Amino acid sequence: MAKKSDDISLVVGHTFTNHDFHHYSEMNQDRIYMDYNATTPPEPEVIQAITDALEDAWGNPSSNYIAGAKAKALINQSRENVAQMVGGRAEDIIFTSGGTEANNLVLHTAVEHFKRSYRAAEEGEGHQNGGTACLPHIVTSNVEHDSIRLVAEHLQKNGKADVTFVPVSRVTARVEVEDIIAAVRPNTCLITVMMANNETGVIMPVTEICQRVKSLNKQRERFRILLHTDAAQALGKIRVDVCELGVDYLTIVGHKFYAPRIGALYVNGPGMKTPLYPMFFGGGQERNFRPGTENTAMIAGLGKAAELVTSNLSDYKSHMLSTKLYLEQRLEAVFADKIRFNSRYPGSEILPNTCNVSILGPGLQGWRVLSNCARLLASVGAACHSDNGHRPSHILLSCGIPSEVAANAVRMSVGRGTTKEDVDAVVEDLRETVQLLEDAR
């Protein structure tokens, strides 16, 4: 039996058909990993790209000698690959340390741009106005990742911005377009809504929001509303095209699509068509938007992973969807009316790999079930919330899931290598665990 852990996001061990995790201890060899929304293992081709970069492109990309030139060329190719994955241009890609930095950069930029634009407008009119009207306003949803939510709360707490957290529908679990538009004010500077939620898998109506806001922008005399989406959970699972979406910014997170822990930010014409203000200052790398000597090897890994997504997305999506559907069918067959799906909402599209379920009954809290599973490695929600104790997910509560049901939630997210045999083993593991916990009462 698995050792109980204080960390409710249990993300070690493996059963992958296309990955060789020989560095894990033997006690984990029969574990089945279903927490791909938390993180993914790098593909073998990605590992090779990183290794090659470390060996052959170790030079400083700003230097002129061969090793530096190789590094620069590798970075340029990776930038092209990442841009192609999201339907953008290479010059629109800014490499960052990860999604958190990218999201912080967007919110920082929106606030700073509003302040500068407001100041210029006031000076042009020959007067200053220090009232509350000059405070920038941000609109977001109440189910965003912490790297959006906490930044917005920090800006609000410190009097740097007003923020409206628009609640998602308790029927569809989506943030509704009309609710977003209703939240817009004359001083709104940014709307940021994730492409897909990491716990429920619900895909948000980002394209529709952008279309409506662009119409609003044509009517606004002063301040354009900037548009951002965090696409961390969407990339590698569904089609992501920045032109179709209509966003100004899009956050890219490598470790969600079998790349290393590095990220990037798509900006539609950075510094020209779309504002971008650096948070760091240094040697001028990334056109001064994100200075610091480039992490060539990790960028190479990100580029290779992006290339794989561009070439194989249809196959990835098809495999994950069929595996998830099989998982849901097996859960329904075994648990019947004791199962409640927290990733099914009328009228909403769901990520092809995400299955959030509650097995109903006293003593079957998600953390308790996972702590007693012998094989399944999954989570009760976002890994970044693993320090919240055993409280029900605020995401599920916001989506209208009753507290007693949300407390029993288990999020299983399948990957590219998850098999039906894995599913059968996991469902049997859950059945045995539930029986054990019920017998112990």
Protein backbone atom coordinates (compact mmCIF):
# COMPACT_ATOMS: atom_id res chain seq x y z
CA MET A 1 0.00 0.00 0.00
CA ALA A 2 1.18 3.47 -0.80
CA LYS A 3 2.62 5.44 2.06
CA LYS A 4 0.36 8.28 3.14
CA SER A 5 1.77 11.66 2.22
CA ASP A 6 1.14 15.09 3.69
CA ASP A 7 1.28 16.43 0.12
CA ILE A 8 -2.13 15.91 -1.45
CA SER A 9 -0.64 16.24 -4.94
CA LEU A 10 1.09 12.88 -5.36
CA VAL A 11 3.18 13.14 -8.45
CA VAL A 12 5.99 10.59 -8.37
CA GLY A 13 6.38 7.22 -10.03
CA HIS A 14 5.27 6.17 -13.47
CA THR A 15 3.77 3.79 -15.93
CA PHE A 16 4.56 5.26 -19.35
CA THR A 17 4.76 3.34 -22.58
CA ASN A 18 6.94 5.94 -24.27
CA HIS A 19 9.19 7.12 -21.42
CA ASP A 20 11.97 5.36 -19.57
CA PHE A 21 12.05 6.51 -15.97
CA HIS A 22 14.86 4.20 -14.88
CA HIS A 23 15.93 6.67 -12.19
CA TYR A 24 12.86 5.90 -10.09
CA SER A 25 13.23 3.37 -7.28
CA GLU A 26 11.82 -0.13 -7.71
CA MET A 27 9.04 0.53 -5.21
CA ASN A 28 7.50 2.92 -7.74
CA GLN A 29 7.74 0.74 -10.81
CA ASP A 30 4.11 -0.41 -10.62
CA ARG A 31 2.72 3.07 -10.08
CA ILE A 32 0.44 4.60 -12.70
CA TYR A 33 0.79 8.32 -13.20
CA MET A 34 -2.37 10.28 -14.04
CA ASP A 35 -1.46 13.83 -13.07
CA TYR A 36 -0.39 15.24 -16.42
CA ASN A 37 -2.20 18.53 -15.76
CA ALA A 38 0.28 19.09 -12.93
CA THR A 39 3.39 18.30 -14.94
CA THR A 40 4.57 16.10 -17.78
CA PRO A 41 7.82 14.18 -18.28
CA PRO A 42 9.98 15.51 -21.12
CA GLU A 43 9.77 13.49 -24.32
CA PRO A 44 12.91 11.52 -25.27
CA GLU A 45 13.41 13.83 -28.25
CA VAL A 46 13.24 16.80 -25.89
CA ILE A 47 15.81 15.29 -23.55
CA GLN A 48 18.08 14.66 -26.54
CA ALA A 49 17.68 18.25 -27.74
CA ILE A 50 18.62 19.51 -24.28
CA THR A 51 21.62 17.18 -24.10
CA ASP A 52 22.84 18.20 -27.55
CA ALA A 53 22.53 21.87 -26.62
CA LEU A 54 24.50 21.37 -23.42
CA GLU A 55 27.27 19.61 -25.35
CA ASP A 56 27.44 21.63 -28.55
CA ALA A 57 25.80 25.01 -27.89
CA TRP A 58 27.19 25.86 -24.47
CA GLY A 59 28.53 29.25 -25.54
CA ASN A 60 27.06 32.62 -24.65
CA PRO A 61 24.47 33.41 -27.35
CA SER A 62 25.68 37.03 -27.39
CA SER A 63 29.22 35.97 -28.33
CA ASN A 64 30.57 35.68 -31.88
CA TYR A 65 32.62 32.50 -31.59
CA ILE A 66 31.31 29.13 -32.79
CA ALA A 67 29.75 27.86 -29.56
CA GLY A 68 27.96 31.19 -29.09
CA ALA A 69 26.80 31.27 -32.70
CA LYS A 70 25.43 27.73 -32.32
CA ALA A 71 23.54 28.81 -29.21
CA LYS A 72 22.07 31.83 -30.98
CA ALA A 73 21.01 29.73 -33.97
CA LEU A 74 19.40 27.16 -31.68
CA ILE A 75 17.47 29.86 -29.82
CA ASN A 76 16.28 31.34 -33.11
CA GLN A 77 15.07 27.96 -34.34
CA SER A 78 13.28 27.29 -31.06
CA ARG A 79 11.60 30.68 -31.28
CA GLU A 80 10.34 29.74 -34.74
CA ASN A 81 9.05 26.39 -33.45
CA VAL A 82 7.20 27.93 -30.51
CA ALA A 83 5.70 30.61 -32.74
CA GLN A 84 4.49 28.00 -35.23
CA MET A 85 2.86 26.00 -32.43
CA VAL A 86 0.63 28.96 -31.51
CA GLY A 87 0.16 30.41 -34.99
CA GLY A 88 2.27 33.51 -34.36
CA ARG A 89 5.51 35.02 -35.63
CA ALA A 90 8.96 34.35 -34.23
CA GLU A 91 9.41 38.01 -33.29
CA ASP A 92 6.30 37.75 -31.10
CA ILE A 93 7.85 35.14 -28.76
CA ILE A 94 9.62 36.20 -25.55
CA PHE A 95 11.26 33.41 -23.55
CA THR A 96 10.68 33.45 -19.77
CA SER A 97 11.47 31.23 -16.82
CA GLY A 98 7.93 29.84 -16.88
CA GLY A 99 4.24 30.63 -16.88
CA THR A 100 4.28 32.48 -13.59
CA GLU A 101 6.81 35.00 -14.85
CA ALA A 102 4.91 35.39 -18.13
CA ASN A 103 1.63 36.07 -16.32
CA ASN A 104 3.27 38.55 -13.96
CA LEU A 105 4.81 40.32 -16.93
CA VAL A 106 1.40 40.77 -18.58
CA LEU A 107 -0.31 42.21 -15.51
CA HIS A 108 2.66 44.46 -14.74
CA THR A 109 2.63 45.71 -18.32
CA ALA A 110 -1.11 46.40 -18.38
CA VAL A 111 -0.97 48.49 -15.22
CA GLU A 112 2.14 50.37 -16.29
CA HIS A 113 0.78 51.06 -19.77
CA PHE A 114 -2.46 52.43 -18.38
CA LYS A 115 -0.59 54.75 -16.00
CA ARG A 116 1.60 56.09 -18.80
CA SER A 117 -1.33 56.49 -21.19
CA TYR A 118 -3.45 58.20 -18.55
CA ARG A 119 -0.64 60.55 -17.62
CA ALA A 120 -0.04 61.45 -21.26
CA ALA A 121 -3.75 62.06 -21.85
CA GLU A 122 -4.05 64.27 -18.79
CA GLU A 123 -0.98 66.28 -19.74
CA GLY A 124 -2.34 66.68 -23.25
CA GLU A 125 -5.53 68.16 -21.82
CA GLY A 126 -3.53 70.53 -19.64
CA HIS A 127 -4.53 69.19 -16.23
CA GLN A 128 -3.87 66.45 -13.74
CA ASN A 129 -6.45 64.26 -12.04
CA GLY A 130 -5.37 62.23 -9.05
CA GLY A 131 -8.80 60.73 -8.40
CA THR A 132 -9.81 57.09 -8.45
CA ALA A 133 -10.62 57.30 -12.17
CA CYS A 134 -6.89 57.06 -12.93
CA LEU A 135 -6.60 53.66 -11.22
CA PRO A 136 -6.31 50.88 -13.83
CA HIS A 137 -8.98 48.18 -13.77
CA ILE A 138 -8.41 44.48 -14.50
CA VAL A 139 -11.12 41.94 -15.32
CA THR A 140 -10.48 38.25 -14.77
CA SER A 141 -12.36 35.12 -13.68
CA ASN A 142 -12.59 33.59 -10.22
CA VAL A 143 -11.03 30.28 -11.34
CA GLU A 144 -7.67 31.53 -12.65
CA HIS A 145 -4.29 30.06 -11.79
CA ASP A 146 -2.62 31.57 -8.72
CA SER A 147 -0.07 33.35 -10.91
CA ILE A 148 -2.96 35.48 -12.16
CA ARG A 149 -5.18 35.57 -9.08
CA LEU A 150 -2.51 36.39 -6.52
CA VAL A 151 -0.88 39.05 -8.68
CA ALA A 152 -4.26 40.72 -9.23
CA GLU A 153 -5.02 40.55 -5.50
CA HIS A 154 -1.60 42.03 -4.71
CA LEU A 155 -2.16 44.94 -7.09
CA GLN A 156 -5.56 45.57 -5.57
CA LYS A 157 -4.34 45.33 -1.98
CA ASN A 158 -1.54 47.80 -2.65
CA GLY A 159 -3.79 50.32 -4.36
CA LYS A 160 -2.22 49.86 -7.78
CA ALA A 161 -5.30 48.54 -9.57
CA ASP A 162 -8.96 47.72 -9.21
CA VAL A 163 -9.84 44.12 -10.01
CA THR A 164 -13.12 42.43 -10.85
CA PHE A 165 -13.15 38.66 -10.39
CA VAL A 166 -16.05 37.55 -12.57
CA PRO A 167 -17.62 34.32 -11.21
CA VAL A 168 -17.99 31.39 -13.55
CA SER A 169 -21.45 30.04 -14.24
CA ARG A 170 -22.52 27.41 -11.72
CA VAL A 171 -24.19 25.58 -14.61
CA THR A 172 -21.53 25.62 -17.32
CA ALA A 173 -18.43 26.27 -15.14
CA ARG A 174 -17.38 28.76 -17.83
CA VAL A 175 -16.96 32.45 -17.40
CA GLU A 176 -19.74 33.82 -19.58
CA VAL A 177 -19.00 36.42 -22.25
CA GLU A 178 -21.82 38.73 -21.20
CA ASP A 179 -20.59 38.73 -17.60
CA ILE A 180 -17.10 39.73 -18.74
CA ILE A 181 -18.45 42.54 -20.91
CA ALA A 182 -20.72 43.75 -18.10
CA ALA A 183 -17.65 44.11 -15.85
CA VAL A 184 -15.85 46.47 -18.24
CA ARG A 185 -15.36 50.07 -17.08
CA PRO A 186 -13.93 53.17 -18.77
CA ASN A 187 -10.64 52.51 -16.93
CA THR A 188 -10.44 48.78 -17.77
CA CYS A 189 -6.92 48.09 -19.04
CA LEU A 190 -6.77 44.28 -19.19
CA ILE A 191 -9.01 41.24 -19.51
CA THR A 192 -7.29 37.97 -18.70
CA VAL A 193 -9.13 34.65 -18.89
CA MET A 194 -7.47 31.23 -19.02
CA MET A 195 -8.00 29.05 -22.09
CA ALA A 196 -8.87 25.98 -20.05
CA ASN A 197 -9.20 25.26 -16.36
CA ASN A 198 -6.66 22.88 -14.88
CA GLU A 199 -9.10 21.19 -12.47
CA THR A 200 -12.37 20.90 -14.38
CA GLY A 201 -10.91 20.89 -17.88
CA VAL A 202 -13.54 23.43 -18.98
CA ILE A 203 -12.51 25.40 -22.07
CA MET A 204 -13.28 29.10 -21.76
CA PRO A 205 -14.87 31.25 -24.52
CA VAL A 206 -11.73 33.29 -25.13
CA THR A 207 -12.36 33.86 -28.84
CA GLU A 208 -15.86 35.21 -28.19
CA ILE A 209 -14.59 37.48 -25.41
CA CYS A 210 -11.89 38.88 -27.68
CA GLN A 211 -14.35 39.53 -30.49
CA ARG A 212 -16.64 41.48 -28.19
CA VAL A 213 -13.82 43.46 -26.61
CA LYS A 214 -12.35 44.40 -29.96
CA SER A 215 -15.72 45.89 -30.88
CA LEU A 216 -15.66 47.80 -27.60
CA ASN A 217 -12.14 49.03 -28.28
CA LYS A 218 -13.30 50.66 -31.52
CA GLN A 219 -15.77 52.72 -29.50
CA ARG A 220 -13.38 53.74 -26.73
CA GLU A 221 -11.86 57.18 -27.09
CA ARG A 222 -8.91 56.75 -24.77
CA PHE A 223 -7.72 53.45 -23.45
CA ARG A 224 -7.57 50.19 -25.35
CA ILE A 225 -8.38 47.04 -23.38
CA LEU A 226 -5.56 44.52 -23.64
CA LEU A 227 -6.45 40.83 -23.98
CA HIS A 228 -4.56 37.92 -22.42
CA THR A 229 -5.07 34.21 -22.00
CA ASP A 230 -3.05 31.71 -19.99
CA ALA A 231 -2.88 28.72 -22.35
CA ALA A 232 -0.90 26.47 -20.00
CA GLN A 233 -3.48 23.67 -19.94
CA ALA A 234 -4.51 23.95 -23.58
CA LEU A 235 -1.19 23.57 -25.39
CA GLY A 236 -0.52 20.04 -26.57
CA LYS A 237 -4.15 19.05 -26.00
CA ILE A 238 -6.28 21.28 -28.23
CA ARG A 239 -5.63 23.64 -31.13
CA VAL A 240 -4.21 27.00 -30.05
CA ASP A 241 -3.99 29.77 -32.65
CA VAL A 242 -3.38 33.31 -31.49
CA CYS A 243 -4.87 34.81 -34.65
CA GLU A 244 -8.10 32.86 -34.26
CA LEU A 245 -8.25 33.69 -30.56
CA GLY A 246 -7.58 37.39 -31.12
CA VAL A 247 -5.42 37.85 -28.02
CA ASP A 248 -2.66 40.38 -27.44
CA TYR A 249 -0.80 38.05 -25.08
CA LEU A 250 -0.70 34.27 -24.59
CA THR A 251 1.18 32.41 -21.86
CA ILE A 252 3.12 29.26 -22.80
CA VAL A 253 4.21 26.77 -20.12
CA GLY A 254 6.68 24.10 -21.21
CA HIS A 255 6.25 21.47 -18.54
CA LYS A 256 2.57 21.07 -19.42
CA PHE A 257 3.41 19.71 -22.91
CA TYR A 258 6.42 17.44 -22.29
CA ALA A 259 8.99 20.24 -22.36
CA PRO A 260 11.28 21.33 -19.49
CA ARG A 261 10.25 23.88 -16.86
CA ILE A 262 10.62 26.98 -18.96
CA GLY A 263 8.04 29.23 -20.56
CA ALA A 264 7.37 31.89 -23.12
CA LEU A 265 5.02 34.76 -23.72
CA TYR A 266 3.41 35.48 -27.07
CA VAL A 267 2.99 39.22 -27.59
CA ASN A 268 1.37 40.55 -30.75
CA GLY A 269 4.07 42.97 -31.90
CA PRO A 270 5.93 43.46 -28.61
CA GLY A 271 6.71 47.09 -27.85
CA MET A 272 5.16 48.28 -31.09
CA LYS A 273 1.63 47.05 -31.67
CA THR A 274 1.25 45.74 -28.12
CA PRO A 275 2.93 47.24 -25.04
CA LEU A 276 5.44 45.22 -23.06
CA TYR A 277 7.42 46.65 -20.14
CA PRO A 278 10.26 44.62 -18.59
CA MET A 279 10.25 43.66 -14.94
CA PHE A 280 13.99 42.93 -15.03
CA PHE A 281 16.89 45.05 -16.27
CA GLY A 282 20.24 43.81 -17.43
CA GLY A 283 22.19 42.85 -20.53
CA GLY A 284 19.54 43.49 -23.14
CA GLN A 285 18.67 39.93 -24.11
CA GLU A 286 15.21 39.17 -25.58
CA ARG A 287 15.24 42.71 -27.05
CA ASN A 288 15.42 44.12 -23.49
CA PHE A 289 11.97 42.72 -22.66
CA ARG A 290 13.45 39.88 -20.59
CA PRO A 291 17.18 40.42 -20.05
CA GLY A 292 19.49 37.75 -18.70
CA THR A 293 21.76 35.31 -20.52
CA GLU A 294 19.48 32.89 -22.32
CA ASN A 295 19.00 29.38 -20.95
CA THR A 296 19.93 27.80 -24.27
CA ALA A 297 19.44 24.15 -23.37
CA MET A 298 15.98 24.62 -21.86
CA ILE A 299 14.95 26.84 -24.78
CA ALA A 300 16.09 24.08 -27.14
CA GLY A 301 13.93 21.62 -25.22
CA LEU A 302 10.94 23.93 -25.43
CA GLY A 303 11.47 24.34 -29.15
CA LYS A 304 11.62 20.60 -29.75
CA ALA A 305 8.50 20.00 -27.66
CA ALA A 306 6.68 22.70 -29.63
CA GLU A 307 7.77 21.05 -32.89
CA LEU A 308 6.31 17.75 -31.68
CA VAL A 309 2.99 19.40 -30.80
CA THR A 310 2.77 21.04 -34.21
CA SER A 311 3.41 17.70 -35.95
CA ASN A 312 1.37 15.38 -33.76
CA LEU A 313 -1.42 17.34 -32.06
CA SER A 314 -4.21 15.44 -33.79
CA ASP A 315 -2.80 12.09 -32.67
CA TYR A 316 -2.14 13.32 -29.14
CA LYS A 317 -5.66 14.68 -28.78
CA SER A 318 -7.32 11.59 -30.24
CA HIS A 319 -5.41 9.23 -27.97
CA MET A 320 -6.03 11.24 -24.81
CA LEU A 321 -9.73 11.63 -25.58
CA SER A 322 -10.32 7.94 -26.23
CA THR A 323 -8.38 7.05 -23.07
CA LYS A 324 -10.33 9.54 -20.96
CA LEU A 325 -13.67 8.33 -22.30
CA TYR A 326 -12.68 4.77 -21.51
CA LEU A 327 -11.70 5.86 -18.00
CA GLU A 328 -15.09 7.50 -17.47
CA GLN A 329 -16.90 4.42 -18.80
CA ARG A 330 -14.99 2.10 -16.46
CA LEU A 331 -15.63 4.36 -13.46
CA GLU A 332 -19.35 4.43 -14.22
CA ALA A 333 -19.43 0.67 -14.66
CA VAL A 334 -17.71 0.01 -11.33
CA PHE A 335 -19.15 2.74 -9.11
CA ALA A 336 -22.54 3.32 -10.78
CA ASP A 337 -24.54 5.94 -8.87
CA LYS A 338 -21.69 6.50 -6.38
CA ILE A 339 -19.67 8.43 -8.97
CA ARG A 340 -20.08 12.14 -9.65
CA PHE A 341 -18.21 13.78 -12.51
CA ASN A 342 -16.96 17.26 -11.72
CA SER A 343 -15.69 17.69 -15.28
CA ARG A 344 -19.04 17.50 -17.06
CA TYR A 345 -21.07 20.65 -17.58
CA PRO A 346 -23.92 21.20 -20.05
CA GLY A 347 -22.87 23.26 -23.04
CA SER A 348 -19.18 23.35 -22.13
CA GLU A 349 -16.28 21.81 -24.00
CA ILE A 350 -13.77 19.90 -21.86
CA LEU A 351 -10.08 19.17 -22.38
CA PRO A 352 -9.58 15.74 -23.96
CA ASN A 353 -7.48 14.43 -21.08
CA THR A 354 -9.15 15.68 -17.87
CA CYS A 355 -11.43 13.63 -15.64
CA ASN A 356 -12.40 15.09 -12.27
CA VAL A 357 -14.56 12.74 -10.20
CA SER A 358 -15.92 12.29 -6.71
CA ILE A 359 -16.72 8.87 -5.28
CA LEU A 360 -19.62 9.61 -2.98
CA GLY A 361 -19.72 8.43 0.59
CA PRO A 362 -18.43 9.30 4.07
CA GLY A 363 -14.72 8.85 4.62
CA LEU A 364 -13.99 8.92 0.89
CA GLN A 365 -12.38 12.35 0.73
CA GLY A 366 -10.09 12.69 -2.26
CA TRP A 367 -6.90 13.00 -0.23
CA ARG A 368 -7.83 9.93 1.81
CA VAL A 369 -8.55 7.83 -1.26
CA LEU A 370 -5.30 8.82 -2.98
CA SER A 371 -3.25 8.27 0.17
CA ASN A 372 -4.49 4.67 0.30
CA CYS A 373 -4.26 3.81 -3.40
CA ALA A 374 -1.55 1.27 -4.14
CA ARG A 375 -1.00 2.29 -7.76
CA LEU A 376 -2.75 5.51 -8.77
CA LEU A 377 -0.79 8.75 -8.69
CA ALA A 378 -3.17 11.68 -9.15
CA SER A 379 -4.21 14.80 -7.24
CA VAL A 380 -7.22 16.43 -5.65
CA GLY A 381 -6.65 19.64 -7.63
CA ALA A 382 -3.91 22.01 -8.64
CA ALA A 383 -0.46 20.99 -7.44
CA CYS A 384 0.21 24.61 -6.46
CA HIS A 385 -2.63 24.30 -3.92
CA SER A 386 -1.15 21.26 -2.21
CA ASP A 387 -0.46 23.27 0.95
CA ASN A 388 -4.15 24.03 1.50
CA GLY A 389 -4.67 21.02 3.73
CA HIS A 390 -7.76 18.94 3.12
CA ARG A 391 -10.18 21.73 2.25
CA PRO A 392 -12.38 21.28 -0.84
CA SER A 393 -11.12 22.95 -4.00
CA HIS A 394 -12.30 26.54 -4.30
CA ILE A 395 -12.41 25.99 -8.06
CA LEU A 396 -14.99 23.21 -7.73
CA LEU A 397 -16.99 25.19 -5.18
CA SER A 398 -17.01 28.15 -7.57
CA CYS A 399 -18.38 25.85 -10.29
CA GLY A 400 -21.37 24.90 -8.14
CA ILE A 401 -20.10 21.56 -6.84
CA PRO A 402 -21.53 20.96 -3.32
CA SER A 403 -18.91 21.04 -0.57
CA GLU A 404 -19.40 17.41 0.45
CA VAL A 405 -18.93 16.33 -3.19
CA ALA A 406 -15.95 18.62 -3.80
CA ALA A 407 -14.24 17.21 -0.70
CA ASN A 408 -14.22 13.77 -2.35
CA ALA A 409 -12.82 15.00 -5.65
CA VAL A 410 -9.94 13.30 -7.44
CA ARG A 411 -8.49 14.81 -10.60
CA MET A 412 -7.14 12.27 -13.05
CA SER A 413 -5.47 13.64 -16.16
CA VAL A 414 -4.22 11.15 -18.74
CA GLY A 415 -1.23 11.60 -21.00
CA ARG A 416 0.15 10.64 -24.37
CA GLY A 417 1.33 7.26 -23.13
CA THR A 418 -1.57 6.30 -20.85
CA THR A 419 -3.07 2.97 -21.96
CA LYS A 420 -6.41 1.24 -21.45
CA GLU A 421 -4.51 -1.31 -19.38
CA ASP A 422 -3.42 1.55 -17.13
CA VAL A 423 -7.04 2.63 -16.85
CA ASP A 424 -8.19 -0.86 -15.92
CA ALA A 425 -5.52 -1.09 -13.22
CA VAL A 426 -6.37 2.36 -11.84
CA VAL A 427 -10.11 1.69 -11.65
CA GLU A 428 -9.47 -1.62 -9.90
CA ASP A 429 -7.11 0.16 -7.51
CA LEU A 430 -9.84 2.71 -6.73
CA ARG A 431 -12.42 -0.03 -6.26
CA GLU A 432 -10.21 -1.87 -3.79
CA THR A 433 -9.29 1.33 -1.95
CA VAL A 434 -12.91 2.44 -1.59
CA GLN A 435 -13.88 -1.02 -0.33
CA LEU A 436 -11.02 -0.91 2.19
CA LEU A 437 -12.02 2.53 3.48
CA GLU A 438 -15.69 1.60 3.72
CA ASP A 439 -14.91 -1.62 5.57
CA ALA A 440 -12.72 0.31 8.02
CA ARG A 441 -15.61 2.54 9.12
